[in-house]
Amino acid sequence: MFLSENSFEIATLFICFVIVAALYGSLTSSISILFKQGGPAILALISLLLFH
């Protein structure tokens, strides 16, 4: 990822995968998964978009 020309897109894609997994986990298991797993991913996505 560090050597790729599209590192921003790859990082954004992986973070979105984590957010989707957190959404699915919160729908099927417990809503707290959204905050425990998705919270840091959402913060990472926001900081990635702000500082790019």
PDB file of N, CA and C in Angstrom:
ATOM      1  N   MET A   1       0.813  -1.173   0.000  1.00  0.00           N
ATOM      2  CA  MET A   1       0.000   0.000   0.000  1.00  0.00           C
ATOM      3  C   MET A   1       0.869   1.255   0.000  1.00  0.00           C
ATOM      4  N   PHE A   2       2.013   1.208   0.664  1.00  0.00           N
ATOM      5  CA  PHE A   2       2.873   2.379   0.732  1.00  0.00           C
ATOM      6  C   PHE A   2       3.602   2.624  -0.595  1.00  0.00           C
ATOM      7  N   LEU A   3       3.741   1.601  -1.411  1.00  0.00           N
ATOM      8  CA  LEU A   3       4.444   1.748  -2.670  1.00  0.00           C
ATOM      9  C   LEU A   3       3.503   1.962  -3.852  1.00  0.00           C
ATOM     10  N   SER A   4       2.216   1.902  -3.612  1.00  0.00           N
ATOM     11  CA  SER A   4       1.239   2.030  -4.677  1.00  0.00           C
ATOM     12  C   SER A   4       1.012   3.489  -5.039  1.00  0.00           C
ATOM     13  N   GLU A   5       0.609   3.717  -6.282  1.00  0.00           N
ATOM     14  CA  GLU A   5       0.260   5.065  -6.701  1.00  0.00           C
ATOM     15  C   GLU A   5      -1.095   5.487  -6.150  1.00  0.00           C
ATOM     16  N   ASN A   6      -1.951   4.520  -5.872  1.00  0.00           N
ATOM     17  CA  ASN A   6      -3.302   4.789  -5.402  1.00  0.00           C
ATOM     18  C   ASN A   6      -3.460   4.447  -3.924  1.00  0.00           C
ATOM     19  N   SER A   7      -2.527   4.845  -3.107  1.00  0.00           N
ATOM     20  CA  SER A   7      -2.571   4.462  -1.694  1.00  0.00           C
ATOM     21  C   SER A   7      -3.769   5.086  -0.976  1.00  0.00           C
ATOM     22  N   PHE A   8      -4.169   6.286  -1.377  1.00  0.00           N
ATOM     23  CA  PHE A   8      -5.341   6.926  -0.759  1.00  0.00           C
ATOM     24  C   PHE A   8      -6.598   6.112  -1.041  1.00  0.00           C
ATOM     25  N   GLU A   9      -6.779   5.671  -2.272  1.00  0.00           N
ATOM     26  CA  GLU A   9      -7.956   4.898  -2.635  1.00  0.00           C
ATOM     27  C   GLU A   9      -7.969   3.533  -1.954  1.00  0.00           C
ATOM     28  N   ILE A  10      -6.805   2.917  -1.854  1.00  0.00           N
ATOM     29  CA  ILE A  10      -6.719   1.602  -1.210  1.00  0.00           C
ATOM     30  C   ILE A  10      -7.038   1.718   0.270  1.00  0.00           C
ATOM     31  N   ALA A  11      -6.495   2.723   0.938  1.00  0.00           N
ATOM     32  CA  ALA A  11      -6.772   2.917   2.362  1.00  0.00           C
ATOM     33  C   ALA A  11      -8.241   3.227   2.593  1.00  0.00           C
ATOM     34  N   THR A  12      -8.826   4.053   1.730  1.00  0.00           N
ATOM     35  CA  THR A  12     -10.250   4.376   1.844  1.00  0.00           C
ATOM     36  C   THR A  12     -11.105   3.135   1.655  1.00  0.00           C
ATOM     37  N   LEU A  13     -10.758   2.306   0.701  1.00  0.00           N
ATOM     38  CA  LEU A  13     -11.502   1.081   0.442  1.00  0.00           C
ATOM     39  C   LEU A  13     -11.448   0.134   1.633  1.00  0.00           C
ATOM     40  N   PHE A  14     -10.266  -0.064   2.215  1.00  0.00           N
ATOM     41  CA  PHE A  14     -10.133  -0.957   3.364  1.00  0.00           C
ATOM     42  C   PHE A  14     -10.899  -0.430   4.576  1.00  0.00           C
ATOM     43  N   ILE A  15     -10.868   0.878   4.788  1.00  0.00           N
ATOM     44  CA  ILE A  15     -11.617   1.452   5.902  1.00  0.00           C
ATOM     45  C   ILE A  15     -13.117   1.291   5.678  1.00  0.00           C
ATOM     46  N   CYS A  16     -13.557   1.448   4.431  1.00  0.00           N
ATOM     47  CA  CYS A  16     -14.979   1.245   4.131  1.00  0.00           C
ATOM     48  C   CYS A  16     -15.387  -0.206   4.345  1.00  0.00           C
ATOM     49  N   PHE A  17     -14.508  -1.147   4.055  1.00  0.00           N
ATOM     50  CA  PHE A  17     -14.793  -2.554   4.331  1.00  0.00           C
ATOM     51  C   PHE A  17     -15.014  -2.779   5.827  1.00  0.00           C
ATOM     52  N   VAL A  18     -14.191  -2.162   6.653  1.00  0.00           N
ATOM     53  CA  VAL A  18     -14.335  -2.301   8.101  1.00  0.00           C
ATOM     54  C   VAL A  18     -15.661  -1.690   8.569  1.00  0.00           C
ATOM     55  N   ILE A  19     -16.037  -0.556   7.995  1.00  0.00           N
ATOM     56  CA  ILE A  19     -17.300   0.090   8.372  1.00  0.00           C
ATOM     57  C   ILE A  19     -18.480  -0.780   7.965  1.00  0.00           C
ATOM     58  N   VAL A  20     -18.435  -1.361   6.785  1.00  0.00           N
ATOM     59  CA  VAL A  20     -19.514  -2.243   6.337  1.00  0.00           C
ATOM     60  C   VAL A  20     -19.600  -3.484   7.233  1.00  0.00           C
ATOM     61  N   ALA A  21     -18.467  -4.026   7.618  1.00  0.00           N
ATOM     62  CA  ALA A  21     -18.468  -5.179   8.524  1.00  0.00           C
ATOM     63  C   ALA A  21     -19.052  -4.804   9.881  1.00  0.00           C
ATOM     64  N   ALA A  22     -18.765  -3.604  10.351  1.00  0.00           N
ATOM     65  CA  ALA A  22     -19.328  -3.148  11.623  1.00  0.00           C
ATOM     66  C   ALA A  22     -20.834  -2.940  11.504  1.00  0.00           C
ATOM     67  N   LEU A  23     -21.288  -2.412  10.384  1.00  0.00           N
ATOM     68  CA  LEU A  23     -22.728  -2.247  10.174  1.00  0.00           C
ATOM     69  C   LEU A  23     -23.445  -3.597  10.148  1.00  0.00           C
ATOM     70  N   TYR A  24     -22.860  -4.564   9.453  1.00  0.00           N
ATOM     71  CA  TYR A  24     -23.454  -5.897   9.394  1.00  0.00           C
ATOM     72  C   TYR A  24     -23.461  -6.553  10.774  1.00  0.00           C
ATOM     73  N   GLY A  25     -22.390  -6.405  11.498  1.00  0.00           N
ATOM     74  CA  GLY A  25     -22.324  -6.978  12.838  1.00  0.00           C
ATOM     75  C   GLY A  25     -23.319  -6.331  13.777  1.00  0.00           C
ATOM     76  N   SER A  26     -23.536  -5.030  13.621  1.00  0.00           N
ATOM     77  CA  SER A  26     -24.500  -4.365  14.496  1.00  0.00           C
ATOM     78  C   SER A  26     -25.928  -4.751  14.152  1.00  0.00           C
ATOM     79  N   LEU A  27     -26.185  -5.065  12.900  1.00  0.00           N
ATOM     80  CA  LEU A  27     -27.534  -5.487  12.511  1.00  0.00           C
ATOM     81  C   LEU A  27     -27.834  -6.924  12.929  1.00  0.00           C
ATOM     82  N   THR A  28     -26.826  -7.773  12.899  1.00  0.00           N
ATOM     83  CA  THR A  28     -27.063  -9.181  13.186  1.00  0.00           C
ATOM     84  C   THR A  28     -26.800  -9.578  14.633  1.00  0.00           C
ATOM     85  N   SER A  29     -25.923  -8.871  15.317  1.00  0.00           N
ATOM     86  CA  SER A  29     -25.552  -9.305  16.650  1.00  0.00           C
ATOM     87  C   SER A  29     -25.910  -8.275  17.714  1.00  0.00           C
ATOM     88  N   SER A  30     -25.133  -7.221  17.777  1.00  0.00           N
ATOM     89  CA  SER A  30     -25.305  -6.237  18.835  1.00  0.00           C
ATOM     90  C   SER A  30     -24.960  -4.852  18.298  1.00  0.00           C
ATOM     91  N   ILE A  31     -25.713  -3.854  18.736  1.00  0.00           N
ATOM     92  CA  ILE A  31     -25.484  -2.492  18.275  1.00  0.00           C
ATOM     93  C   ILE A  31     -24.142  -1.947  18.779  1.00  0.00           C
ATOM     94  N   SER A  32     -23.627  -2.511  19.860  1.00  0.00           N
ATOM     95  CA  SER A  32     -22.355  -2.010  20.402  1.00  0.00           C
ATOM     96  C   SER A  32     -21.179  -2.294  19.471  1.00  0.00           C
ATOM     97  N   ILE A  33     -21.326  -3.254  18.577  1.00  0.00           N
ATOM     98  CA  ILE A  33     -20.269  -3.550  17.608  1.00  0.00           C
ATOM     99  C   ILE A  33     -20.039  -2.344  16.702  1.00  0.00           C
ATOM    100  N   LEU A  34     -21.117  -1.630  16.405  1.00  0.00           N
ATOM    101  CA  LEU A  34     -20.991  -0.455  15.555  1.00  0.00           C
ATOM    102  C   LEU A  34     -20.079   0.582  16.189  1.00  0.00           C
ATOM    103  N   PHE A  35     -20.164   0.736  17.492  1.00  0.00           N
ATOM    104  CA  PHE A  35     -19.339   1.731  18.175  1.00  0.00           C
ATOM    105  C   PHE A  35     -17.936   1.213  18.459  1.00  0.00           C
ATOM    106  N   LYS A  36     -17.818  -0.081  18.759  1.00  0.00           N
ATOM    107  CA  LYS A  36     -16.510  -0.644  19.098  1.00  0.00           C
ATOM    108  C   LYS A  36     -15.633  -0.851  17.872  1.00  0.00           C
ATOM    109  N   GLN A  37     -16.221  -1.336  16.784  1.00  0.00           N
ATOM    110  CA  GLN A  37     -15.437  -1.616  15.582  1.00  0.00           C
ATOM    111  C   GLN A  37     -15.570  -0.484  14.565  1.00  0.00           C
ATOM    112  N   GLY A  38     -16.757   0.047  14.430  1.00  0.00           N
ATOM    113  CA  GLY A  38     -16.979   1.070  13.419  1.00  0.00           C
ATOM    114  C   GLY A  38     -16.541   2.448  13.842  1.00  0.00           C
ATOM    115  N   GLY A  39     -16.558   2.729  15.127  1.00  0.00           N
ATOM    116  CA  GLY A  39     -16.173   4.047  15.615  1.00  0.00           C
ATOM    117  C   GLY A  39     -14.765   4.454  15.217  1.00  0.00           C
ATOM    118  N   PRO A  40     -13.772   3.629  15.527  1.00  0.00           N
ATOM    119  CA  PRO A  40     -12.406   3.982  15.111  1.00  0.00           C
ATOM    120  C   PRO A  40     -12.253   4.039  13.587  1.00  0.00           C
ATOM    121  N   ALA A  41     -12.978   3.183  12.873  1.00  0.00           N
ATOM    122  CA  ALA A  41     -12.886   3.204  11.417  1.00  0.00           C
ATOM    123  C   ALA A  41     -13.501   4.481  10.845  1.00  0.00           C
ATOM    124  N   ILE A  42     -14.603   4.920  11.423  1.00  0.00           N
ATOM    125  CA  ILE A  42     -15.222   6.167  10.975  1.00  0.00           C
ATOM    126  C   ILE A  42     -14.314   7.351  11.277  1.00  0.00           C
ATOM    127  N   LEU A  43     -13.699   7.346  12.446  1.00  0.00           N
ATOM    128  CA  LEU A  43     -12.752   8.417  12.780  1.00  0.00           C
ATOM    129  C   LEU A  43     -11.537   8.400  11.849  1.00  0.00           C
ATOM    130  N   ALA A  44     -11.071   7.206  11.508  1.00  0.00           N
ATOM    131  CA  ALA A  44      -9.948   7.091  10.586  1.00  0.00           C
ATOM    132  C   ALA A  44     -10.325   7.589   9.195  1.00  0.00           C
ATOM    133  N   LEU A  45     -11.534   7.285   8.752  1.00  0.00           N
ATOM    134  CA  LEU A  45     -11.986   7.752   7.452  1.00  0.00           C
ATOM    135  C   LEU A  45     -12.116   9.263   7.421  1.00  0.00           C
ATOM    136  N   ILE A  46     -12.657   9.834   8.489  1.00  0.00           N
ATOM    137  CA  ILE A  46     -12.784  11.286   8.561  1.00  0.00           C
ATOM    138  C   ILE A  46     -11.420  11.960   8.552  1.00  0.00           C
ATOM    139  N   SER A  47     -10.487  11.429   9.335  1.00  0.00           N
ATOM    140  CA  SER A  47      -9.153  12.038   9.358  1.00  0.00           C
ATOM    141  C   SER A  47      -8.424  11.840   8.041  1.00  0.00           C
ATOM    142  N   LEU A  48      -8.658  10.715   7.383  1.00  0.00           N
ATOM    143  CA  LEU A  48      -8.040  10.482   6.087  1.00  0.00           C
ATOM    144  C   LEU A  48      -8.561  11.478   5.059  1.00  0.00           C
ATOM    145  N   LEU A  49      -9.859  11.752   5.090  1.00  0.00           N
ATOM    146  CA  LEU A  49     -10.441  12.696   4.137  1.00  0.00           C
ATOM    147  C   LEU A  49     -10.054  14.131   4.454  1.00  0.00           C
ATOM    148  N   LEU A  50      -9.914  14.455   5.739  1.00  0.00           N
ATOM    149  CA  LEU A  50      -9.565  15.824   6.115  1.00  0.00           C
ATOM    150  C   LEU A  50      -8.121  16.164   5.792  1.00  0.00           C
ATOM    151  N   PHE A  51      -7.222  15.226   6.011  1.00  0.00           N
ATOM    152  CA  PHE A  51      -5.798  15.513   5.870  1.00  0.00           C
ATOM    153  C   PHE A  51      -5.197  15.070   4.539  1.00  0.00           C
ATOM    154  N   HIS A  52      -6.042  14.659   3.612  1.00  0.00           N
ATOM    155  CA  HIS A  52      -5.515  14.266   2.304  1.00  0.00           C
ATOM    156  C   HIS A  52      -5.277  15.490   1.474  1.00  0.00           C
TER     157      HIS A  52
END
